[in-house]
PDB file of N, CA and C in Angstrom:
ATOM      1  N   MET A   1      25.019  19.764 -84.597  1.00  0.00           N
ATOM      2  CA  MET A   1      24.780  18.343 -84.694  1.00  0.00           C
ATOM      3  C   MET A   1      24.919  17.708 -83.313  1.00  0.00           C
ATOM      4  N   LEU A   2      23.991  16.914 -82.945  1.00  0.00           N
ATOM      5  CA  LEU A   2      23.963  16.258 -81.648  1.00  0.00           C
ATOM      6  C   LEU A   2      24.955  15.103 -81.609  1.00  0.00           C
ATOM      7  N   PRO A   3      25.903  15.117 -80.656  1.00  0.00           N
ATOM      8  CA  PRO A   3      26.808  13.968 -80.543  1.00  0.00           C
ATOM      9  C   PRO A   3      26.072  12.771 -79.950  1.00  0.00           C
ATOM     10  N   ILE A   4      26.129  11.653 -80.645  1.00  0.00           N
ATOM     11  CA  ILE A   4      25.409  10.463 -80.208  1.00  0.00           C
ATOM     12  C   ILE A   4      26.366   9.278 -80.163  1.00  0.00           C
ATOM     13  N   GLN A   5      26.248   8.504 -79.105  1.00  0.00           N
ATOM     14  CA  GLN A   5      27.023   7.271 -78.959  1.00  0.00           C
ATOM     15  C   GLN A   5      26.038   6.114 -78.974  1.00  0.00           C
ATOM     16  N   ILE A   6      26.218   5.190 -79.898  1.00  0.00           N
ATOM     17  CA  ILE A   6      25.309   4.053 -80.056  1.00  0.00           C
ATOM     18  C   ILE A   6      26.038   2.790 -79.633  1.00  0.00           C
ATOM     19  N   THR A   7      25.412   2.028 -78.730  1.00  0.00           N
ATOM     20  CA  THR A   7      25.964   0.763 -78.276  1.00  0.00           C
ATOM     21  C   THR A   7      24.940  -0.329 -78.534  1.00  0.00           C
ATOM     22  N   LEU A   8      25.347  -1.349 -79.291  1.00  0.00           N
ATOM     23  CA  LEU A   8      24.492  -2.492 -79.562  1.00  0.00           C
ATOM     24  C   LEU A   8      25.082  -3.694 -78.835  1.00  0.00           C
ATOM     25  N   GLN A   9      24.324  -4.255 -77.909  1.00  0.00           N
ATOM     26  CA  GLN A   9      24.796  -5.398 -77.138  1.00  0.00           C
ATOM     27  C   GLN A   9      24.015  -6.642 -77.548  1.00  0.00           C
ATOM     28  N   ASP A  10      24.732  -7.709 -77.845  1.00  0.00           N
ATOM     29  CA  ASP A  10      24.146  -9.007 -78.186  1.00  0.00           C
ATOM     30  C   ASP A  10      23.292  -8.977 -79.445  1.00  0.00           C
ATOM     31  N   LEU A  11      23.545  -8.022 -80.348  1.00  0.00           N
ATOM     32  CA  LEU A  11      22.871  -8.041 -81.631  1.00  0.00           C
ATOM     33  C   LEU A  11      23.817  -7.465 -82.677  1.00  0.00           C
ATOM     34  N   PRO A  12      23.702  -7.891 -83.917  1.00  0.00           N
ATOM     35  CA  PRO A  12      24.643  -7.454 -84.948  1.00  0.00           C
ATOM     36  C   PRO A  12      24.445  -5.990 -85.326  1.00  0.00           C
ATOM     37  N   ALA A  13      25.532  -5.336 -85.713  1.00  0.00           N
ATOM     38  CA  ALA A  13      25.481  -3.941 -86.136  1.00  0.00           C
ATOM     39  C   ALA A  13      24.760  -3.831 -87.476  1.00  0.00           C
ATOM     40  N   SER A  14      23.967  -2.808 -87.603  1.00  0.00           N
ATOM     41  CA  SER A  14      23.200  -2.579 -88.821  1.00  0.00           C
ATOM     42  C   SER A  14      23.253  -1.092 -89.137  1.00  0.00           C
ATOM     43  N   GLN A  15      23.622  -0.749 -90.359  1.00  0.00           N
ATOM     44  CA  GLN A  15      23.693   0.657 -90.758  1.00  0.00           C
ATOM     45  C   GLN A  15      22.306   1.281 -90.767  1.00  0.00           C
ATOM     46  N   ALA A  16      21.291   0.541 -91.164  1.00  0.00           N
ATOM     47  CA  ALA A  16      19.921   1.064 -91.172  1.00  0.00           C
ATOM     48  C   ALA A  16      19.458   1.390 -89.753  1.00  0.00           C
ATOM     49  N   LEU A  17      19.797   0.530 -88.800  1.00  0.00           N
ATOM     50  CA  LEU A  17      19.417   0.770 -87.410  1.00  0.00           C
ATOM     51  C   LEU A  17      20.143   1.993 -86.853  1.00  0.00           C
ATOM     52  N   GLU A  18      21.430   2.130 -87.152  1.00  0.00           N
ATOM     53  CA  GLU A  18      22.189   3.289 -86.679  1.00  0.00           C
ATOM     54  C   GLU A  18      21.673   4.581 -87.310  1.00  0.00           C
ATOM     55  N   ASP A  19      21.327   4.558 -88.594  1.00  0.00           N
ATOM     56  CA  ASP A  19      20.760   5.743 -89.253  1.00  0.00           C
ATOM     57  C   ASP A  19      19.422   6.120 -88.626  1.00  0.00           C
ATOM     58  N   HIS A  20      18.619   5.126 -88.308  1.00  0.00           N
ATOM     59  CA  HIS A  20      17.320   5.374 -87.665  1.00  0.00           C
ATOM     60  C   HIS A  20      17.525   6.022 -86.286  1.00  0.00           C
ATOM     61  N   LEU A  21      18.500   5.531 -85.527  1.00  0.00           N
ATOM     62  CA  LEU A  21      18.784   6.093 -84.203  1.00  0.00           C
ATOM     63  C   LEU A  21      19.288   7.526 -84.309  1.00  0.00           C
ATOM     64  N   ARG A  22      20.147   7.806 -85.260  1.00  0.00           N
ATOM     65  CA  ARG A  22      20.657   9.171 -85.441  1.00  0.00           C
ATOM     66  C   ARG A  22      19.528  10.132 -85.842  1.00  0.00           C
ATOM     67  N   LYS A  23      18.614   9.675 -86.667  1.00  0.00           N
ATOM     68  CA  LYS A  23      17.476  10.499 -87.073  1.00  0.00           C
ATOM     69  C   LYS A  23      16.574  10.802 -85.874  1.00  0.00           C
ATOM     70  N   LYS A  24      16.301   9.779 -85.059  1.00  0.00           N
ATOM     71  CA  LYS A  24      15.467   9.977 -83.871  1.00  0.00           C
ATOM     72  C   LYS A  24      16.155  10.907 -82.873  1.00  0.00           C
ATOM     73  N   ALA A  25      17.469  10.755 -82.704  1.00  0.00           N
ATOM     74  CA  ALA A  25      18.204  11.590 -81.757  1.00  0.00           C
ATOM     75  C   ALA A  25      18.244  13.048 -82.209  1.00  0.00           C
ATOM     76  N   SER A  26      18.345  13.278 -83.505  1.00  0.00           N
ATOM     77  CA  SER A  26      18.366  14.659 -83.993  1.00  0.00           C
ATOM     78  C   SER A  26      17.027  15.353 -83.762  1.00  0.00           C
ATOM     79  N   LYS A  27      15.945  14.588 -83.732  1.00  0.00           N
ATOM     80  CA  LYS A  27      14.634  15.177 -83.454  1.00  0.00           C
ATOM     81  C   LYS A  27      14.501  15.639 -82.008  1.00  0.00           C
ATOM     82  N   LEU A  28      15.339  15.101 -81.101  1.00  0.00           N
ATOM     83  CA  LEU A  28      15.282  15.520 -79.705  1.00  0.00           C
ATOM     84  C   LEU A  28      15.699  16.976 -79.533  1.00  0.00           C
ATOM     85  N   GLU A  29      16.485  17.502 -80.470  1.00  0.00           N
ATOM     86  CA  GLU A  29      16.912  18.897 -80.372  1.00  0.00           C
ATOM     87  C   GLU A  29      15.752  19.869 -80.572  1.00  0.00           C
ATOM     88  N   GLN A  30      14.637  19.412 -81.096  1.00  0.00           N
ATOM     89  CA  GLN A  30      13.451  20.262 -81.197  1.00  0.00           C
ATOM     90  C   GLN A  30      12.884  20.569 -79.817  1.00  0.00           C
ATOM     91  N   PHE A  31      13.101  19.666 -78.872  1.00  0.00           N
ATOM     92  CA  PHE A  31      12.551  19.839 -77.535  1.00  0.00           C
ATOM     93  C   PHE A  31      13.508  20.584 -76.611  1.00  0.00           C
ATOM     94  N   TYR A  32      14.816  20.457 -76.850  1.00  0.00           N
ATOM     95  CA  TYR A  32      15.803  21.176 -76.050  1.00  0.00           C
ATOM     96  C   TYR A  32      17.066  21.322 -76.883  1.00  0.00           C
ATOM     97  N   GLN A  33      17.514  22.562 -77.073  1.00  0.00           N
ATOM     98  CA  GLN A  33      18.627  22.852 -77.981  1.00  0.00           C
ATOM     99  C   GLN A  33      19.996  22.498 -77.408  1.00  0.00           C
ATOM    100  N   ASN A  34      20.171  22.572 -76.102  1.00  0.00           N
ATOM    101  CA  ASN A  34      21.496  22.480 -75.494  1.00  0.00           C
ATOM    102  C   ASN A  34      21.815  21.092 -74.956  1.00  0.00           C
ATOM    103  N   ILE A  35      21.555  20.056 -75.696  1.00  0.00           N
ATOM    104  CA  ILE A  35      21.891  18.703 -75.263  1.00  0.00           C
ATOM    105  C   ILE A  35      23.389  18.501 -75.460  1.00  0.00           C
ATOM    106  N   ASN A  36      24.082  18.080 -74.397  1.00  0.00           N
ATOM    107  CA  ASN A  36      25.525  17.881 -74.476  1.00  0.00           C
ATOM    108  C   ASN A  36      25.875  16.532 -75.096  1.00  0.00           C
ATOM    109  N   LYS A  37      25.279  15.461 -74.598  1.00  0.00           N
ATOM    110  CA  LYS A  37      25.585  14.114 -75.071  1.00  0.00           C
ATOM    111  C   LYS A  37      24.314  13.295 -75.147  1.00  0.00           C
ATOM    112  N   CYS A  38      24.319  12.320 -76.016  1.00  0.00           N
ATOM    113  CA  CYS A  38      23.217  11.371 -76.118  1.00  0.00           C
ATOM    114  C   CYS A  38      23.827   9.987 -76.294  1.00  0.00           C
ATOM    115  N   ARG A  39      23.471   9.078 -75.389  1.00  0.00           N
ATOM    116  CA  ARG A  39      23.937   7.694 -75.470  1.00  0.00           C
ATOM    117  C   ARG A  39      22.725   6.790 -75.585  1.00  0.00           C
ATOM    118  N   VAL A  40      22.751   5.924 -76.579  1.00  0.00           N
ATOM    119  CA  VAL A  40      21.663   4.978 -76.807  1.00  0.00           C
ATOM    120  C   VAL A  40      22.246   3.570 -76.720  1.00  0.00           C
ATOM    121  N   THR A  41      21.631   2.737 -75.884  1.00  0.00           N
ATOM    122  CA  THR A  41      22.073   1.355 -75.730  1.00  0.00           C
ATOM    123  C   THR A  41      20.906   0.445 -76.055  1.00  0.00           C
ATOM    124  N   ILE A  42      21.130  -0.473 -76.990  1.00  0.00           N
ATOM    125  CA  ILE A  42      20.124  -1.472 -77.348  1.00  0.00           C
ATOM    126  C   ILE A  42      20.709  -2.834 -77.018  1.00  0.00           C
ATOM    127  N   SER A  43      19.943  -3.619 -76.277  1.00  0.00           N
ATOM    128  CA  SER A  43      20.447  -4.938 -75.892  1.00  0.00           C
ATOM    129  C   SER A  43      19.314  -5.953 -75.916  1.00  0.00           C
ATOM    130  N   MET A  44      19.712  -7.207 -75.897  1.00  0.00           N
ATOM    131  CA  MET A  44      18.784  -8.322 -75.738  1.00  0.00           C
ATOM    132  C   MET A  44      19.147  -8.993 -74.423  1.00  0.00           C
ATOM    133  N   PRO A  45      18.564  -8.519 -73.310  1.00  0.00           N
ATOM    134  CA  PRO A  45      18.979  -9.032 -72.009  1.00  0.00           C
ATOM    135  C   PRO A  45      18.577 -10.472 -71.751  1.00  0.00           C
ATOM    136  N   GLN A  46      17.515 -10.922 -72.372  1.00  0.00           N
ATOM    137  CA  GLN A  46      17.038 -12.284 -72.143  1.00  0.00           C
ATOM    138  C   GLN A  46      16.936 -13.000 -73.473  1.00  0.00           C
ATOM    139  N   LYS A  47      17.322 -14.226 -73.466  1.00  0.00           N
ATOM    140  CA  LYS A  47      17.236 -15.015 -74.696  1.00  0.00           C
ATOM    141  C   LYS A  47      16.333 -16.221 -74.438  1.00  0.00           C
ATOM    142  N   HIS A  48      15.040 -15.956 -74.298  1.00  0.00           N
ATOM    143  CA  HIS A  48      14.072 -17.022 -74.061  1.00  0.00           C
ATOM    144  C   HIS A  48      13.619 -17.611 -75.389  1.00  0.00           C
ATOM    145  N   LYS A  49      13.530 -18.894 -75.436  1.00  0.00           N
ATOM    146  CA  LYS A  49      13.081 -19.530 -76.671  1.00  0.00           C
ATOM    147  C   LYS A  49      11.578 -19.399 -76.852  1.00  0.00           C
ATOM    148  N   HIS A  50      10.833 -19.305 -75.765  1.00  0.00           N
ATOM    149  CA  HIS A  50       9.377 -19.260 -75.858  1.00  0.00           C
ATOM    150  C   HIS A  50       8.865 -17.858 -76.192  1.00  0.00           C
ATOM    151  N   GLN A  51       9.573 -16.823 -75.758  1.00  0.00           N
ATOM    152  CA  GLN A  51       9.097 -15.467 -75.980  1.00  0.00           C
ATOM    153  C   GLN A  51       9.716 -14.813 -77.204  1.00  0.00           C
ATOM    154  N   GLY A  52      10.703 -15.412 -77.806  1.00  0.00           N
ATOM    155  CA  GLY A  52      11.364 -14.811 -78.952  1.00  0.00           C
ATOM    156  C   GLY A  52      12.394 -13.792 -78.504  1.00  0.00           C
ATOM    157  N   LYS A  53      12.846 -12.980 -79.445  1.00  0.00           N
ATOM    158  CA  LYS A  53      13.845 -11.964 -79.144  1.00  0.00           C
ATOM    159  C   LYS A  53      13.162 -10.748 -78.536  1.00  0.00           C
ATOM    160  N   LEU A  54      13.629 -10.341 -77.376  1.00  0.00           N
ATOM    161  CA  LEU A  54      13.099  -9.172 -76.698  1.00  0.00           C
ATOM    162  C   LEU A  54      14.210  -8.134 -76.592  1.00  0.00           C
ATOM    163  N   TYR A  55      13.901  -6.895 -76.972  1.00  0.00           N
ATOM    164  CA  TYR A  55      14.896  -5.831 -77.015  1.00  0.00           C
ATOM    165  C   TYR A  55      14.647  -4.834 -75.891  1.00  0.00           C
ATOM    166  N   SER A  56      15.741  -4.298 -75.369  1.00  0.00           N
ATOM    167  CA  SER A  56      15.696  -3.263 -74.350  1.00  0.00           C
ATOM    168  C   SER A  56      16.454  -2.050 -74.880  1.00  0.00           C
ATOM    169  N   VAL A  57      15.862  -0.858 -74.784  1.00  0.00           N
ATOM    170  CA  VAL A  57      16.474   0.375 -75.262  1.00  0.00           C
ATOM    171  C   VAL A  57      16.584   1.339 -74.088  1.00  0.00           C
ATOM    172  N   VAL A  58      17.789   1.875 -73.877  1.00  0.00           N
ATOM    173  CA  VAL A  58      18.039   2.862 -72.829  1.00  0.00           C
ATOM    174  C   VAL A  58      18.653   4.086 -73.487  1.00  0.00           C
ATOM    175  N   ILE A  59      18.068   5.261 -73.214  1.00  0.00           N
ATOM    176  CA  ILE A  59      18.574   6.532 -73.733  1.00  0.00           C
ATOM    177  C   ILE A  59      19.028   7.366 -72.551  1.00  0.00           C
ATOM    178  N   ASP A  60      20.263   7.822 -72.608  1.00  0.00           N
ATOM    179  CA  ASP A  60      20.865   8.610 -71.535  1.00  0.00           C
ATOM    180  C   ASP A  60      21.330   9.929 -72.141  1.00  0.00           C
ATOM    181  N   ILE A  61      20.745  11.039 -71.678  1.00  0.00           N
ATOM    182  CA  ILE A  61      21.056  12.358 -72.226  1.00  0.00           C
ATOM    183  C   ILE A  61      21.630  13.228 -71.117  1.00  0.00           C
ATOM    184  N   THR A  62      22.685  13.953 -71.451  1.00  0.00           N
ATOM    185  CA  THR A  62      23.288  14.896 -70.521  1.00  0.00           C
ATOM    186  C   THR A  62      22.919  16.307 -70.972  1.00  0.00           C
ATOM    187  N   VAL A  63      22.370  17.093 -70.045  1.00  0.00           N
ATOM    188  CA  VAL A  63      21.963  18.466 -70.328  1.00  0.00           C
ATOM    189  C   VAL A  63      22.563  19.392 -69.278  1.00  0.00           C
ATOM    190  N   PRO A  64      22.770  20.670 -69.614  1.00  0.00           N
ATOM    191  CA  PRO A  64      23.276  21.596 -68.610  1.00  0.00           C
ATOM    192  C   PRO A  64      22.229  21.879 -67.539  1.00  0.00           C
ATOM    193  N   GLY A  65      22.673  22.080 -66.327  1.00  0.00           N
ATOM    194  CA  GLY A  65      21.749  22.373 -65.230  1.00  0.00           C
ATOM    195  C   GLY A  65      21.283  21.140 -64.500  1.00  0.00           C
ATOM    196  N   LYS A  66      21.268  20.023 -65.163  1.00  0.00           N
ATOM    197  CA  LYS A  66      20.906  18.756 -64.548  1.00  0.00           C
ATOM    198  C   LYS A  66      21.811  17.707 -65.170  1.00  0.00           C
ATOM    199  N   GLN A  67      22.301  16.797 -64.390  1.00  0.00           N
ATOM    200  CA  GLN A  67      23.306  15.870 -64.889  1.00  0.00           C
ATOM    201  C   GLN A  67      22.785  15.004 -66.030  1.00  0.00           C
ATOM    202  N   GLU A  68      21.762  14.210 -65.775  1.00  0.00           N
ATOM    203  CA  GLU A  68      21.339  13.253 -66.787  1.00  0.00           C
ATOM    204  C   GLU A  68      19.822  13.077 -66.786  1.00  0.00           C
ATOM    205  N   LEU A  69      19.312  12.784 -67.952  1.00  0.00           N
ATOM    206  CA  LEU A  69      17.935  12.332 -68.116  1.00  0.00           C
ATOM    207  C   LEU A  69      18.012  10.951 -68.740  1.00  0.00           C
ATOM    208  N   VAL A  70      17.311   9.985 -68.157  1.00  0.00           N
ATOM    209  CA  VAL A  70      17.371   8.610 -68.635  1.00  0.00           C
ATOM    210  C   VAL A  70      15.961   8.123 -68.924  1.00  0.00           C
ATOM    211  N   ALA A  71      15.793   7.543 -70.110  1.00  0.00           N
ATOM    212  CA  ALA A  71      14.517   6.936 -70.479  1.00  0.00           C
ATOM    213  C   ALA A  71      14.813   5.548 -71.024  1.00  0.00           C
ATOM    214  N   SER A  72      13.942   4.616 -70.698  1.00  0.00           N
ATOM    215  CA  SER A  72      14.165   3.260 -71.194  1.00  0.00           C
ATOM    216  C   SER A  72      12.836   2.619 -71.556  1.00  0.00           C
ATOM    217  N   HIS A  73      12.930   1.686 -72.444  1.00  0.00           N
ATOM    218  CA  HIS A  73      11.777   0.857 -72.783  1.00  0.00           C
ATOM    219  C   HIS A  73      12.289  -0.568 -72.807  1.00  0.00           C
ATOM    220  N   LYS A  74      11.750  -1.373 -71.974  1.00  0.00           N
ATOM    221  CA  LYS A  74      12.282  -2.714 -71.817  1.00  0.00           C
ATOM    222  C   LYS A  74      11.373  -3.743 -72.472  1.00  0.00           C
ATOM    223  N   LEU A  75      12.014  -4.690 -73.075  1.00  0.00           N
ATOM    224  CA  LEU A  75      11.423  -5.931 -73.545  1.00  0.00           C
ATOM    225  C   LEU A  75      10.256  -5.747 -74.510  1.00  0.00           C
ATOM    226  N   ASP A  76      10.618  -5.450 -75.737  1.00  0.00           N
ATOM    227  CA  ASP A  76       9.650  -5.428 -76.822  1.00  0.00           C
ATOM    228  C   ASP A  76      10.182  -6.331 -77.929  1.00  0.00           C
ATOM    229  N   GLU A  77       9.305  -7.013 -78.614  1.00  0.00           N
ATOM    230  CA  GLU A  77       9.728  -7.961 -79.647  1.00  0.00           C
ATOM    231  C   GLU A  77      10.256  -7.280 -80.899  1.00  0.00           C
ATOM    232  N   ASP A  78       9.807  -6.081 -81.190  1.00  0.00           N
ATOM    233  CA  ASP A  78      10.272  -5.337 -82.357  1.00  0.00           C
ATOM    234  C   ASP A  78      11.227  -4.244 -81.891  1.00  0.00           C
ATOM    235  N   VAL A  79      12.445  -4.227 -82.430  1.00  0.00           N
ATOM    236  CA  VAL A  79      13.445  -3.267 -81.986  1.00  0.00           C
ATOM    237  C   VAL A  79      13.019  -1.842 -82.332  1.00  0.00           C
ATOM    238  N   TYR A  80      12.336  -1.637 -83.449  1.00  0.00           N
ATOM    239  CA  TYR A  80      11.912  -0.299 -83.841  1.00  0.00           C
ATOM    240  C   TYR A  80      10.788   0.219 -82.947  1.00  0.00           C
ATOM    241  N   VAL A  81       9.934  -0.645 -82.469  1.00  0.00           N
ATOM    242  CA  VAL A  81       8.889  -0.242 -81.524  1.00  0.00           C
ATOM    243  C   VAL A  81       9.520   0.134 -80.187  1.00  0.00           C
ATOM    244  N   ALA A  82      10.500  -0.636 -79.748  1.00  0.00           N
ATOM    245  CA  ALA A  82      11.193  -0.321 -78.495  1.00  0.00           C
ATOM    246  C   ALA A  82      11.919   1.016 -78.611  1.00  0.00           C
ATOM    247  N   ILE A  83      12.537   1.283 -79.758  1.00  0.00           N
ATOM    248  CA  ILE A  83      13.213   2.569 -79.983  1.00  0.00           C
ATOM    249  C   ILE A  83      12.207   3.703 -79.965  1.00  0.00           C
ATOM    250  N   ARG A  84      11.098   3.533 -80.667  1.00  0.00           N
ATOM    251  CA  ARG A  84      10.064   4.575 -80.717  1.00  0.00           C
ATOM    252  C   ARG A  84       9.550   4.917 -79.325  1.00  0.00           C
ATOM    253  N   ASN A  85       9.256   3.888 -78.526  1.00  0.00           N
ATOM    254  CA  ASN A  85       8.717   4.127 -77.191  1.00  0.00           C
ATOM    255  C   ASN A  85       9.742   4.777 -76.271  1.00  0.00           C
ATOM    256  N   ALA A  86      11.002   4.388 -76.376  1.00  0.00           N
ATOM    257  CA  ALA A  86      12.040   4.984 -75.537  1.00  0.00           C
ATOM    258  C   ALA A  86      12.262   6.449 -75.915  1.00  0.00           C
ATOM    259  N   PHE A  87      12.278   6.757 -77.202  1.00  0.00           N
ATOM    260  CA  PHE A  87      12.464   8.152 -77.615  1.00  0.00           C
ATOM    261  C   PHE A  87      11.239   8.999 -77.272  1.00  0.00           C
ATOM    262  N   TYR A  88      10.062   8.427 -77.312  1.00  0.00           N
ATOM    263  CA  TYR A  88       8.865   9.162 -76.893  1.00  0.00           C
ATOM    264  C   TYR A  88       8.936   9.498 -75.405  1.00  0.00           C
ATOM    265  N   ALA A  89       9.398   8.551 -74.599  1.00  0.00           N
ATOM    266  CA  ALA A  89       9.559   8.812 -73.167  1.00  0.00           C
ATOM    267  C   ALA A  89      10.608   9.902 -72.934  1.00  0.00           C
ATOM    268  N   MET A  90      11.671   9.904 -73.724  1.00  0.00           N
ATOM    269  CA  MET A  90      12.698  10.936 -73.578  1.00  0.00           C
ATOM    270  C   MET A  90      12.168  12.295 -74.021  1.00  0.00           C
ATOM    271  N   GLN A  91      11.347  12.346 -75.053  1.00  0.00           N
ATOM    272  CA  GLN A  91      10.750  13.605 -75.483  1.00  0.00           C
ATOM    273  C   GLN A  91       9.891  14.201 -74.377  1.00  0.00           C
ATOM    274  N   ARG A  92       9.117  13.363 -73.699  1.00  0.00           N
ATOM    275  CA  ARG A  92       8.293  13.854 -72.579  1.00  0.00           C
ATOM    276  C   ARG A  92       9.168  14.394 -71.461  1.00  0.00           C
ATOM    277  N   GLN A  93      10.273  13.698 -71.168  1.00  0.00           N
ATOM    278  CA  GLN A  93      11.166  14.174 -70.108  1.00  0.00           C
ATOM    279  C   GLN A  93      11.814  15.506 -70.482  1.00  0.00           C
ATOM    280  N   LEU A  94      12.269  15.625 -71.730  1.00  0.00           N
ATOM    281  CA  LEU A  94      12.877  16.877 -72.172  1.00  0.00           C
ATOM    282  C   LEU A  94      11.870  18.020 -72.186  1.00  0.00           C
ATOM    283  N   ASP A  95      10.643  17.726 -72.577  1.00  0.00           N
ATOM    284  CA  ASP A  95       9.592  18.736 -72.573  1.00  0.00           C
ATOM    285  C   ASP A  95       9.332  19.233 -71.151  1.00  0.00           C
ATOM    286  N   GLY A  96       9.232  18.315 -70.207  1.00  0.00           N
ATOM    287  CA  GLY A  96       9.043  18.706 -68.813  1.00  0.00           C
ATOM    288  C   GLY A  96      10.238  19.462 -68.263  1.00  0.00           C
ATOM    289  N   TYR A  97      11.434  19.064 -68.655  1.00  0.00           N
ATOM    290  CA  TYR A  97      12.649  19.733 -68.198  1.00  0.00           C
ATOM    291  C   TYR A  97      12.705  21.169 -68.704  1.00  0.00           C
ATOM    292  N   THR A  98      12.346  21.390 -69.986  1.00  0.00           N
ATOM    293  CA  THR A  98      12.374  22.751 -70.526  1.00  0.00           C
ATOM    294  C   THR A  98      11.313  23.624 -69.866  1.00  0.00           C
ATOM    295  N   HIS A  99      10.151  23.060 -69.559  1.00  0.00           N
ATOM    296  CA  HIS A  99       9.116  23.839 -68.869  1.00  0.00           C
ATOM    297  C   HIS A  99       9.594  24.259 -67.482  1.00  0.00           C
ATOM    298  N   LYS A 100      10.277  23.384 -66.787  1.00  0.00           N
ATOM    299  CA  LYS A 100      10.796  23.724 -65.460  1.00  0.00           C
ATOM    300  C   LYS A 100      11.892  24.781 -65.561  1.00  0.00           C
ATOM    301  N   ARG A 101      12.760  24.676 -66.562  1.00  0.00           N
ATOM    302  CA  ARG A 101      13.843  25.655 -66.729  1.00  0.00           C
ATOM    303  C   ARG A 101      13.303  27.043 -67.037  1.00  0.00           C
ATOM    304  N   ARG A 102      12.224  27.107 -67.811  1.00  0.00           N
ATOM    305  CA  ARG A 102      11.648  28.402 -68.170  1.00  0.00           C
ATOM    306  C   ARG A 102      10.736  28.951 -67.089  1.00  0.00           C
ATOM    307  N   GLY A 103      10.359  28.135 -66.142  1.00  0.00           N
ATOM    308  CA  GLY A 103       9.436  28.586 -65.106  1.00  0.00           C
ATOM    309  C   GLY A 103       7.990  28.463 -65.504  1.00  0.00           C
ATOM    310  N   ASP A 104       7.689  27.623 -66.478  1.00  0.00           N
ATOM    311  CA  ASP A 104       6.318  27.439 -66.945  1.00  0.00           C
ATOM    312  C   ASP A 104       5.535  26.423 -66.117  1.00  0.00           C
ATOM    313  N   VAL A 105       6.110  25.965 -65.030  1.00  0.00           N
ATOM    314  CA  VAL A 105       5.460  24.946 -64.226  1.00  0.00           C
ATOM    315  C   VAL A 105       4.289  25.579 -63.482  1.00  0.00           C
ATOM    316  N   LYS A 106       3.177  24.908 -63.504  1.00  0.00           N
ATOM    317  CA  LYS A 106       1.975  25.423 -62.864  1.00  0.00           C
ATOM    318  C   LYS A 106       2.155  25.416 -61.353  1.00  0.00           C
ATOM    319  N   LEU A 107       1.897  26.551 -60.770  1.00  0.00           N
ATOM    320  CA  LEU A 107       1.945  26.669 -59.315  1.00  0.00           C
ATOM    321  C   LEU A 107       0.521  26.727 -58.791  1.00  0.00           C
ATOM    322  N   HIS A 108       0.261  25.981 -57.768  1.00  0.00           N
ATOM    323  CA  HIS A 108      -1.068  25.974 -57.184  1.00  0.00           C
ATOM    324  C   HIS A 108      -1.239  27.193 -56.283  1.00  0.00           C
ATOM    325  N   ALA A 109      -2.445  27.756 -56.290  1.00  0.00           N
ATOM    326  CA  ALA A 109      -2.715  28.935 -55.476  1.00  0.00           C
ATOM    327  C   ALA A 109      -2.628  28.568 -54.001  1.00  0.00           C
ATOM    328  N   SER A 110      -1.987  29.428 -53.260  1.00  0.00           N
ATOM    329  CA  SER A 110      -1.902  29.174 -51.818  1.00  0.00           C
ATOM    330  C   SER A 110      -3.048  29.913 -51.135  1.00  0.00           C
ATOM    331  N   TYR A 111      -3.649  29.239 -50.214  1.00  0.00           N
ATOM    332  CA  TYR A 111      -4.757  29.814 -49.478  1.00  0.00           C
ATOM    333  C   TYR A 111      -4.232  30.421 -48.189  1.00  0.00           C
ATOM    334  N   PRO A 112      -4.832  31.523 -47.760  1.00  0.00           N
ATOM    335  CA  PRO A 112      -4.344  32.148 -46.527  1.00  0.00           C
ATOM    336  C   PRO A 112      -4.576  31.229 -45.328  1.00  0.00           C
ATOM    337  N   ASN A 113      -3.590  31.167 -44.482  1.00  0.00           N
ATOM    338  CA  ASN A 113      -3.683  30.349 -43.283  1.00  0.00           C
ATOM    339  C   ASN A 113      -3.810  31.261 -42.069  1.00  0.00           C
ATOM    340  N   GLY A 114      -4.531  30.804 -41.070  1.00  0.00           N
ATOM    341  CA  GLY A 114      -4.670  31.578 -39.839  1.00  0.00           C
ATOM    342  C   GLY A 114      -5.520  30.825 -38.844  1.00  0.00           C
ATOM    343  N   LYS A 115      -5.586  31.378 -37.625  1.00  0.00           N
ATOM    344  CA  LYS A 115      -6.390  30.790 -36.564  1.00  0.00           C
ATOM    345  C   LYS A 115      -7.446  31.793 -36.118  1.00  0.00           C
ATOM    346  N   VAL A 116      -8.609  31.299 -35.770  1.00  0.00           N
ATOM    347  CA  VAL A 116      -9.688  32.138 -35.267  1.00  0.00           C
ATOM    348  C   VAL A 116      -9.499  32.255 -33.764  1.00  0.00           C
ATOM    349  N   LYS A 117      -9.301  33.513 -33.297  1.00  0.00           N
ATOM    350  CA  LYS A 117      -9.113  33.723 -31.860  1.00  0.00           C
ATOM    351  C   LYS A 117     -10.446  33.823 -31.129  1.00  0.00           C
ATOM    352  N   ALA A 118     -11.346  34.576 -31.733  1.00  0.00           N
ATOM    353  CA  ALA A 118     -12.618  34.762 -31.052  1.00  0.00           C
ATOM    354  C   ALA A 118     -13.677  35.115 -32.092  1.00  0.00           C
ATOM    355  N   ILE A 119     -14.914  34.781 -31.737  1.00  0.00           N
ATOM    356  CA  ILE A 119     -16.060  35.132 -32.566  1.00  0.00           C
ATOM    357  C   ILE A 119     -16.965  36.015 -31.728  1.00  0.00           C
ATOM    358  N   GLU A 120     -17.178  37.222 -32.190  1.00  0.00           N
ATOM    359  CA  GLU A 120     -18.017  38.148 -31.454  1.00  0.00           C
ATOM    360  C   GLU A 120     -19.398  38.189 -32.079  1.00  0.00           C
ATOM    361  N   SER A 121     -20.383  38.322 -31.225  1.00  0.00           N
ATOM    362  CA  SER A 121     -21.742  38.380 -31.692  1.00  0.00           C
ATOM    363  C   SER A 121     -22.356  39.723 -31.280  1.00  0.00           C
ATOM    364  N   ASP A 122     -23.075  40.389 -32.199  1.00  0.00           N
ATOM    365  CA  ASP A 122     -23.726  41.666 -31.921  1.00  0.00           C
ATOM    366  C   ASP A 122     -25.148  41.462 -31.449  1.00  0.00           C
ATOM    367  N   GLN A 123     -25.641  40.278 -31.335  1.00  0.00           N
ATOM    368  CA  GLN A 123     -27.019  40.014 -30.927  1.00  0.00           C
ATOM    369  C   GLN A 123     -27.069  39.754 -29.437  1.00  0.00           C
ATOM    370  N   GLU A 124     -27.670  40.683 -28.697  1.00  0.00           N
ATOM    371  CA  GLU A 124     -27.880  40.472 -27.253  1.00  0.00           C
ATOM    372  C   GLU A 124     -29.221  40.940 -26.819  1.00  0.00           C
TER     373      GLU A 124
END
C-alpha cells in the first residue's frame, strides 16, 4: 500500500475527495512499484471574486535513486479536473523515470568524426 499524505489548504475536508486522491495515488504504483512517499497538496491560492474558486494541486513523490518527482497543475475551477491533470503529469514523469532506470532511453547514433588530411588524385 502506498503511503500518502493529503494536505488541504483553504478548503474543507471531504471524505469523498480524500478517497478519490487515495485511488489516484494507488494507480501510480502501476508505473513504478518502489514509491517511498506520496504527498498531495490541494489549495486555493487566490480568492478572486471574478474568476471563482481556482484550485492548485501539487504532487510530490519520493523514489529511490532520485530524491523527488514533483508535478503540479495550477488554477483550475474544478478540483477534480486539477487532480486529474496533476496525476497525469506525474504518471508521465514516473514513466520517463522508469525508462531511464531500465536503460530504455533512446540513444542517438554517433557519427564518426575525423579530419581530411589530404586528397590524392590518380588522374594525371
